[in-house]
Amino acid sequence: MRVIIGKDYEEVSRLAADEIEKVVREKPACTLGLATGSSPVGMYRELSRRCREEGLDFSAVRSVNLDEYVGLAPDHEQSYRYFMDDNLFDHINIDKANTYVARGVGDPDANLAEFNAVLEKADVDIQVLGVGPDGHLGFNEPGETLWDGAHMETLDESTVDANARFFASRDEVPRRAFTMGMGNILRAGKLLLIISGRKAEAAKRLLFSDKIDPRCPVTFMRLHRDAVVLLEKSLADEIGYQG
């Protein structure tokens, strides 16, 4: 696991964009595993700039997203399909027919079967990740065991609390979500974890412990053969990590 410290969020975002750009330029028809949340927003902004100003070409790229809320339509402002369109897809030359975000509305069983079928065929070259304050990856919440494949997860109250800032009220936060399983994540060719915000406890458990703990899913990053962790210097200083 390679850990890179950026001086601030802007530098972390540029460094993350460098990792994605390298994959896209080396393999124009690559498959990107993408994530939502506040951590990758700066990276998406930088990738959009590079597409617009530097010719970074996404025309042959395919993508599949980590997760989606159950119950939110694609045009809902807090759905992850809307997030991806608004923060990346509308600003680069990707064919949206080649982008996949699980369906949040309709028959849950059918939607989950479709998600798993897409993942069976996908060969993700690089998977972007953020981490929750409790250490979750995607919506793989802490527990005694973790799922291998895509599944429907009931969100922990701490996750609901963390996501409430995106909704008008806490009551509006969906309590269930579809998510890639830990096996799906670990089968990607490369993992790219961006840690920003109030994630000190999760960062400490990842960076200072050799324990692989399903009660802190981010620790499974240690099992991957090619994992990159990006964090801001202020967070590294806060937890006493010097690399």
Protein backbone atom coordinates (compact mmCIF):
# COMPACT_ATOMS: atom_id res chain seq x y z
CA MET A 1 0.00 0.00 0.00
CA ARG A 2 1.46 3.31 -1.12
CA VAL A 3 0.60 6.40 0.94
CA ILE A 4 0.95 9.90 -0.56
CA ILE A 5 0.54 13.07 1.48
CA GLY A 6 -0.60 16.25 -0.29
CA LYS A 7 -0.13 19.68 1.22
CA ASP A 8 -3.86 20.45 0.94
CA TYR A 9 -7.08 19.21 -0.64
CA GLU A 10 -6.28 20.83 -3.98
CA GLU A 11 -2.97 19.00 -4.24
CA VAL A 12 -4.55 15.72 -3.16
CA SER A 13 -7.15 16.19 -5.90
CA ARG A 14 -4.45 16.83 -8.52
CA LEU A 15 -2.48 13.79 -7.41
CA ALA A 16 -5.61 11.66 -7.59
CA ALA A 17 -6.35 12.99 -11.08
CA ASP A 18 -2.79 12.02 -12.07
CA GLU A 19 -3.52 8.41 -11.13
CA ILE A 20 -6.71 8.36 -13.22
CA GLU A 21 -5.07 10.12 -16.16
CA LYS A 22 -2.24 7.59 -16.23
CA VAL A 23 -4.74 4.73 -16.53
CA VAL A 24 -6.80 6.49 -19.22
CA ARG A 25 -3.78 7.39 -21.35
CA GLU A 26 -2.24 3.92 -21.08
CA LYS A 27 -5.52 2.14 -21.78
CA PRO A 28 -8.04 4.43 -23.56
CA ALA A 29 -10.80 1.78 -23.34
CA CYS A 30 -10.32 1.26 -19.60
CA THR A 31 -13.04 0.77 -17.02
CA LEU A 32 -13.12 3.21 -14.12
CA GLY A 33 -14.75 2.36 -10.81
CA LEU A 34 -16.09 5.65 -9.49
CA ALA A 35 -17.24 6.98 -6.14
CA THR A 36 -19.38 9.84 -4.87
CA GLY A 37 -19.19 12.00 -1.76
CA SER A 38 -17.15 15.10 -1.05
CA SER A 39 -13.69 13.47 -1.22
CA PRO A 40 -13.46 12.93 -5.03
CA VAL A 41 -15.17 16.19 -6.09
CA GLY A 42 -11.89 18.06 -6.52
CA MET A 43 -10.45 15.19 -8.56
CA TYR A 44 -13.50 15.20 -10.84
CA ARG A 45 -13.16 18.95 -11.29
CA GLU A 46 -9.50 18.54 -12.25
CA LEU A 47 -10.22 15.69 -14.66
CA SER A 48 -12.90 17.82 -16.32
CA ARG A 49 -10.37 20.63 -16.75
CA ARG A 50 -7.81 18.26 -18.25
CA CYS A 51 -10.39 16.93 -20.69
CA ARG A 52 -11.39 20.44 -21.71
CA GLU A 53 -7.96 22.09 -21.80
CA GLU A 54 -5.42 19.29 -22.25
CA GLY A 55 -7.20 16.77 -24.43
CA LEU A 56 -7.60 13.99 -21.87
CA ASP A 57 -9.89 11.69 -23.84
CA PHE A 58 -12.69 9.73 -22.17
CA SER A 59 -14.52 8.79 -25.38
CA ALA A 60 -13.70 5.08 -25.09
CA VAL A 61 -13.84 4.86 -21.30
CA ARG A 62 -16.44 2.83 -19.43
CA SER A 63 -17.39 3.33 -15.79
CA VAL A 64 -19.28 1.65 -13.00
CA ASN A 65 -20.16 3.29 -9.69
CA LEU A 66 -19.71 1.91 -6.21
CA ASP A 67 -23.22 2.45 -4.94
CA GLU A 68 -26.61 4.13 -5.09
CA TYR A 69 -29.33 4.98 -2.61
CA VAL A 70 -32.40 2.76 -2.68
CA GLY A 71 -35.49 4.84 -3.37
CA LEU A 72 -33.95 7.81 -5.20
CA ALA A 73 -34.71 8.32 -8.90
CA PRO A 74 -31.82 9.22 -11.22
CA ASP A 75 -33.01 12.84 -11.47
CA HIS A 76 -33.18 13.30 -7.69
CA GLU A 77 -30.53 15.85 -6.72
CA GLN A 78 -29.07 13.52 -4.09
CA SER A 79 -29.00 10.39 -6.22
CA TYR A 80 -25.56 9.22 -7.17
CA ARG A 81 -26.45 9.19 -10.87
CA TYR A 82 -27.29 12.89 -10.59
CA PHE A 83 -24.04 13.47 -8.65
CA MET A 84 -21.92 11.80 -11.32
CA ASP A 85 -23.58 13.67 -14.17
CA ASP A 86 -23.28 17.00 -12.35
CA ASN A 87 -19.70 16.57 -11.14
CA LEU A 88 -18.08 14.67 -14.01
CA PHE A 89 -20.01 13.12 -16.88
CA ASP A 90 -21.58 16.38 -18.11
CA HIS A 91 -18.10 17.93 -18.31
CA ILE A 92 -16.07 15.28 -20.15
CA ASN A 93 -16.44 13.53 -23.50
CA ILE A 94 -17.62 10.20 -22.08
CA ASP A 95 -20.52 8.33 -23.66
CA LYS A 96 -23.11 8.14 -20.89
CA ALA A 97 -24.33 4.86 -22.35
CA ASN A 98 -20.99 3.48 -21.15
CA THR A 99 -21.51 4.68 -17.58
CA TYR A 100 -23.34 2.59 -15.02
CA VAL A 101 -24.89 3.58 -11.70
CA ALA A 102 -27.20 1.06 -10.05
CA ARG A 103 -30.92 1.82 -10.33
CA GLY A 104 -32.34 3.19 -7.11
CA VAL A 105 -36.03 2.86 -8.02
CA GLY A 106 -38.11 -0.02 -9.33
CA ASP A 107 -37.91 -3.67 -8.31
CA PRO A 108 -35.02 -3.91 -5.79
CA ASP A 109 -34.33 -7.57 -6.58
CA ALA A 110 -34.17 -6.89 -10.31
CA ASN A 111 -32.00 -3.82 -9.79
CA LEU A 112 -29.59 -5.77 -7.62
CA ALA A 113 -29.44 -8.64 -10.13
CA GLU A 114 -28.63 -6.14 -12.87
CA PHE A 115 -25.90 -4.55 -10.74
CA ASN A 116 -24.29 -7.92 -10.09
CA ALA A 117 -24.52 -8.83 -13.78
CA VAL A 118 -22.73 -5.61 -14.75
CA LEU A 119 -20.01 -6.27 -12.19
CA GLU A 120 -19.55 -9.82 -13.43
CA LYS A 121 -18.63 -8.46 -16.86
CA ALA A 122 -16.72 -5.40 -15.69
CA ASP A 123 -12.94 -5.53 -15.46
CA VAL A 124 -12.31 -2.45 -13.36
CA ASP A 125 -8.85 -1.04 -13.96
CA ILE A 126 -8.87 1.47 -11.09
CA GLN A 127 -11.43 1.86 -8.32
CA VAL A 128 -11.86 5.27 -6.68
CA LEU A 129 -12.79 5.14 -3.00
CA GLY A 130 -13.64 7.45 -0.15
CA VAL A 131 -14.00 6.32 3.44
CA GLY A 132 -16.70 6.97 6.00
CA PRO A 133 -15.95 8.14 9.56
CA ASP A 134 -16.68 4.57 10.74
CA GLY A 135 -14.33 3.10 8.13
CA HIS A 136 -16.92 1.96 5.59
CA LEU A 137 -16.02 1.61 1.91
CA GLY A 138 -18.85 2.16 -0.52
CA PHE A 139 -21.77 1.32 1.74
CA ASN A 140 -20.05 -1.74 3.20
CA GLU A 141 -20.83 -0.98 6.83
CA PRO A 142 -18.83 -2.33 9.79
CA GLY A 143 -19.95 -5.74 11.01
CA GLU A 144 -18.91 -9.25 11.86
CA THR A 145 -18.81 -10.24 8.18
CA LEU A 146 -18.64 -8.47 4.82
CA TRP A 147 -20.28 -9.31 1.47
CA ASP A 148 -18.30 -10.45 -1.54
CA GLY A 149 -20.75 -9.21 -4.20
CA ALA A 150 -23.16 -6.34 -4.68
CA HIS A 151 -25.94 -6.27 -2.12
CA MET A 152 -28.45 -4.04 -0.38
CA GLU A 153 -27.10 -2.57 2.85
CA THR A 154 -28.97 -0.96 5.73
CA LEU A 155 -27.05 2.18 6.64
CA ASP A 156 -25.60 2.66 10.09
CA GLU A 157 -26.90 5.63 12.05
CA SER A 158 -23.41 7.18 11.88
CA THR A 159 -23.58 7.01 8.08
CA VAL A 160 -27.03 8.61 8.10
CA ASP A 161 -25.65 11.35 10.34
CA ALA A 162 -22.66 11.92 8.04
CA ASN A 163 -24.86 12.17 4.93
CA ALA A 164 -27.58 14.29 6.48
CA ARG A 165 -25.77 17.48 5.46
CA PHE A 166 -26.68 16.76 1.83
CA PHE A 167 -30.42 16.63 2.55
CA ALA A 168 -32.97 19.14 3.82
CA SER A 169 -33.34 17.06 6.98
CA ARG A 170 -31.95 13.88 8.51
CA ASP A 171 -35.31 12.21 8.02
CA GLU A 172 -34.90 12.48 4.24
CA VAL A 173 -31.69 10.43 4.15
CA PRO A 174 -32.41 6.99 2.64
CA ARG A 175 -31.82 4.13 5.06
CA ARG A 176 -30.83 1.56 2.44
CA ALA A 177 -28.40 1.50 -0.47
CA PHE A 178 -27.06 -0.83 -3.14
CA THR A 179 -23.30 -1.20 -2.95
CA MET A 180 -20.46 -3.17 -4.47
CA GLY A 181 -19.26 -5.83 -2.06
CA MET A 182 -15.76 -5.94 -0.66
CA GLY A 183 -14.87 -8.67 -3.13
CA ASN A 184 -15.93 -6.48 -6.06
CA ILE A 185 -13.74 -3.68 -4.74
CA LEU A 186 -10.69 -5.85 -4.14
CA ARG A 187 -10.88 -7.39 -7.61
CA ALA A 188 -10.14 -4.02 -9.25
CA GLY A 189 -6.70 -3.72 -10.81
CA LYS A 190 -5.81 -0.73 -8.64
CA LEU A 191 -7.41 1.00 -5.65
CA LEU A 192 -7.29 4.77 -5.16
CA LEU A 193 -8.46 5.95 -1.74
CA ILE A 194 -8.90 9.67 -1.10
CA ILE A 195 -9.16 10.56 2.59
CA SER A 196 -10.40 14.05 3.38
CA GLY A 197 -12.50 15.62 6.09
CA ARG A 198 -13.09 14.28 9.57
CA LYS A 199 -11.78 10.77 9.05
CA ALA A 200 -9.00 10.63 11.66
CA GLU A 201 -10.12 7.43 13.37
CA ALA A 202 -10.57 5.52 10.11
CA ALA A 203 -7.21 6.80 8.83
CA LYS A 204 -5.44 5.72 12.01
CA ARG A 205 -6.88 2.23 11.87
CA LEU A 206 -5.79 1.88 8.24
CA LEU A 207 -2.32 3.36 8.57
CA PHE A 208 -1.18 2.26 12.03
CA SER A 209 -2.58 -1.25 12.39
CA ASP A 210 -1.83 -4.50 10.60
CA LYS A 211 -5.24 -5.86 11.62
CA ILE A 212 -7.76 -6.62 8.87
CA ASP A 213 -11.05 -5.97 10.63
CA PRO A 214 -14.57 -6.25 9.13
CA ARG A 215 -15.63 -3.79 11.81
CA CYS A 216 -13.46 -1.27 9.97
CA PRO A 217 -13.82 -2.20 6.27
CA VAL A 218 -11.17 0.27 5.07
CA THR A 219 -8.51 -1.99 6.61
CA PHE A 220 -9.17 -4.44 3.76
CA MET A 221 -7.21 -2.01 1.56
CA ARG A 222 -4.11 -3.65 3.05
CA LEU A 223 -4.91 -6.87 1.20
CA HIS A 224 -4.69 -5.33 -2.26
CA ARG A 225 -1.59 -5.69 -4.40
CA ASP A 226 -1.76 -2.14 -5.81
CA ALA A 227 -3.43 0.33 -3.45
CA VAL A 228 -2.77 4.06 -3.24
CA VAL A 229 -3.92 6.20 -0.30
CA LEU A 230 -3.99 9.99 -0.63
CA LEU A 231 -4.46 12.25 2.37
CA GLU A 232 -3.95 15.87 3.29
CA LYS A 233 -0.98 16.94 5.41
CA SER A 234 -3.28 18.43 8.03
CA LEU A 235 -4.88 15.01 8.58
CA ALA A 236 -1.50 13.26 8.55
CA ASP A 237 -0.31 15.73 11.20
CA GLU A 238 -3.45 15.24 13.25
CA ILE A 239 -2.95 11.49 13.50
CA GLY A 240 0.85 11.66 13.72
CA TYR A 241 1.53 9.91 10.41
CA GLN A 242 4.84 10.75 8.77
CA GLY A 243 4.96 8.18 6.00
